[in-house]
Each structure stands twice: as structure tokens, then as C-alpha cells.
Amino acid sequence: MCILHSPLGWPYLKSSQPQDSLPNSYVSKIKSHTSSNLSPDTTFNIPPISEDFIRKQLQALDTKKATGLDDLGPRVLKTSASILAKPLSHF
């Protein structure tokens, strides 16, 4: 783990490995469950999300909620929904 600072100077912890933030017992249970229940040729398909869906989700944000680690407040996201929807739909 290391301490990083957001663009506004707020410190936060960042794990060098994603599983560092979860208890080891939880991670090992997931690994054993997935390795025993999934065949090696299993694939996951994530359906495409439309630009309209993303726009509606952003416009529905509660502007009274706090910002995340990226320091982007919900008001900024909500106001910029029509601009952000298209690039976000390409992820």
C-alpha cells in the first residue's frame, strides 16, 4: 500500500495489488469457488451499454452526495452528462 494525493491534495491509500484491500480468506474463497465451478473455456460477455442509458444514469445522480477519490462531484457529472455519455459508452 502507498499513500497518494488527489488533484485537490487529499491523501488516500492505494493498494499495489487489487486483492490487498480484501481479506485473504474472502479472496481464497472466491478463487476456490470459481476454479471449481467454471470450466477453463468459460467466457464472460459484457453487453454494450448505450449512450442514452449512461446519460440517464448520470442525470439521475444525487448532487448532495460526496465526491469520490477522483474529486469529481456528482453535480459536475450530472451537468456534463450529455458530453460524457458518448466517450463513456465506448468502455
Protein backbone atom coordinates (compact mmCIF):
# COMPACT_ATOMS: atom_id res chain seq x y z
CA MET A 1 0.00 0.00 0.00
CA CYS A 2 1.11 3.53 -0.65
CA ILE A 3 -0.30 6.96 0.06
CA LEU A 4 -1.27 9.05 -2.96
CA HIS A 5 -2.79 12.50 -3.20
CA SER A 6 -5.81 13.52 -5.23
CA PRO A 7 -5.65 16.58 -7.50
CA LEU A 8 -7.04 18.64 -4.63
CA GLY A 9 -4.37 17.33 -2.24
CA TRP A 10 -6.47 14.83 -0.27
CA PRO A 11 -4.45 11.76 0.74
CA TYR A 12 -5.76 8.26 0.03
CA LEU A 13 -4.37 4.74 0.15
CA LYS A 14 -3.70 2.78 -3.00
CA SER A 15 -3.01 -0.91 -2.93
CA SER A 16 -0.24 -2.27 -5.11
CA GLN A 17 -2.43 -5.31 -5.77
CA PRO A 18 -6.23 -5.30 -6.02
CA GLN A 19 -6.67 -8.20 -3.60
CA ASP A 20 -4.77 -6.33 -0.84
CA SER A 21 -7.97 -4.48 0.01
CA LEU A 22 -9.94 -7.69 0.64
CA PRO A 23 -9.40 -10.16 3.48
CA ASN A 24 -7.31 -13.12 2.32
CA SER A 25 -9.97 -15.61 3.38
CA TYR A 26 -12.53 -13.91 1.16
CA VAL A 27 -10.19 -13.86 -1.83
CA SER A 28 -9.28 -17.53 -1.38
CA LYS A 29 -12.98 -18.49 -1.17
CA ILE A 30 -13.69 -16.71 -4.45
CA LYS A 31 -10.70 -18.32 -6.14
CA SER A 32 -11.65 -21.82 -4.99
CA HIS A 33 -15.31 -21.30 -5.92
CA THR A 34 -14.61 -20.01 -9.41
CA SER A 35 -11.88 -22.51 -10.19
CA SER A 36 -14.05 -25.45 -9.14
CA ASN A 37 -17.29 -24.27 -10.76
CA LEU A 38 -16.10 -22.82 -14.05
CA SER A 39 -14.60 -24.67 -16.94
CA PRO A 40 -11.40 -23.28 -18.48
CA ASP A 41 -13.22 -22.32 -21.68
CA THR A 42 -15.81 -20.16 -19.87
CA THR A 43 -16.16 -16.69 -21.33
CA PHE A 44 -17.85 -13.62 -19.93
CA ASN A 45 -19.76 -11.28 -22.16
CA ILE A 46 -20.48 -7.77 -21.07
CA PRO A 47 -23.37 -6.34 -23.09
CA PRO A 48 -22.82 -2.94 -24.67
CA ILE A 49 -24.26 -0.02 -22.73
CA SER A 50 -25.98 2.65 -24.73
CA GLU A 51 -25.11 6.31 -24.67
CA ASP A 52 -28.70 7.06 -23.67
CA PHE A 53 -28.50 4.71 -20.67
CA ILE A 54 -25.30 6.37 -19.41
CA ARG A 55 -26.77 9.85 -19.88
CA LYS A 56 -29.86 8.90 -17.85
CA GLN A 57 -27.74 7.38 -15.08
CA LEU A 58 -25.56 10.50 -14.84
CA GLN A 59 -28.58 12.81 -14.86
CA ALA A 60 -30.12 10.80 -12.02
CA LEU A 61 -27.15 11.33 -9.67
CA ASP A 62 -27.90 12.85 -6.28
CA THR A 63 -25.98 16.13 -6.17
CA LYS A 64 -25.98 16.08 -2.36
CA LYS A 65 -23.63 13.08 -2.27
CA ALA A 66 -19.90 13.38 -1.68
CA THR A 67 -17.21 13.19 -4.34
CA GLY A 68 -15.19 10.05 -4.96
CA LEU A 69 -11.42 9.62 -4.98
CA ASP A 70 -11.30 11.32 -8.37
CA ASP A 71 -12.69 14.54 -6.83
CA LEU A 72 -15.43 14.71 -9.46
CA GLY A 73 -18.58 15.73 -7.70
CA PRO A 74 -21.98 14.46 -8.74
CA ARG A 75 -23.05 17.96 -9.78
CA VAL A 76 -20.20 18.12 -12.33
CA LEU A 77 -21.06 14.66 -13.66
CA LYS A 78 -24.77 15.45 -13.81
CA THR A 79 -24.22 18.78 -15.58
CA SER A 80 -21.80 17.18 -18.06
CA ALA A 81 -23.95 14.10 -18.73
CA SER A 82 -24.63 14.94 -22.38
CA ILE A 83 -20.90 15.44 -23.03
CA LEU A 84 -19.63 12.44 -21.05
CA ALA A 85 -22.17 9.86 -22.21
CA LYS A 86 -20.64 9.18 -25.61
CA PRO A 87 -17.00 8.59 -24.54
CA LEU A 88 -18.12 6.54 -21.52
CA SER A 89 -20.23 4.29 -23.74
CA HIS A 90 -17.06 3.16 -25.55
CA PHE A 91 -15.53 1.50 -22.47
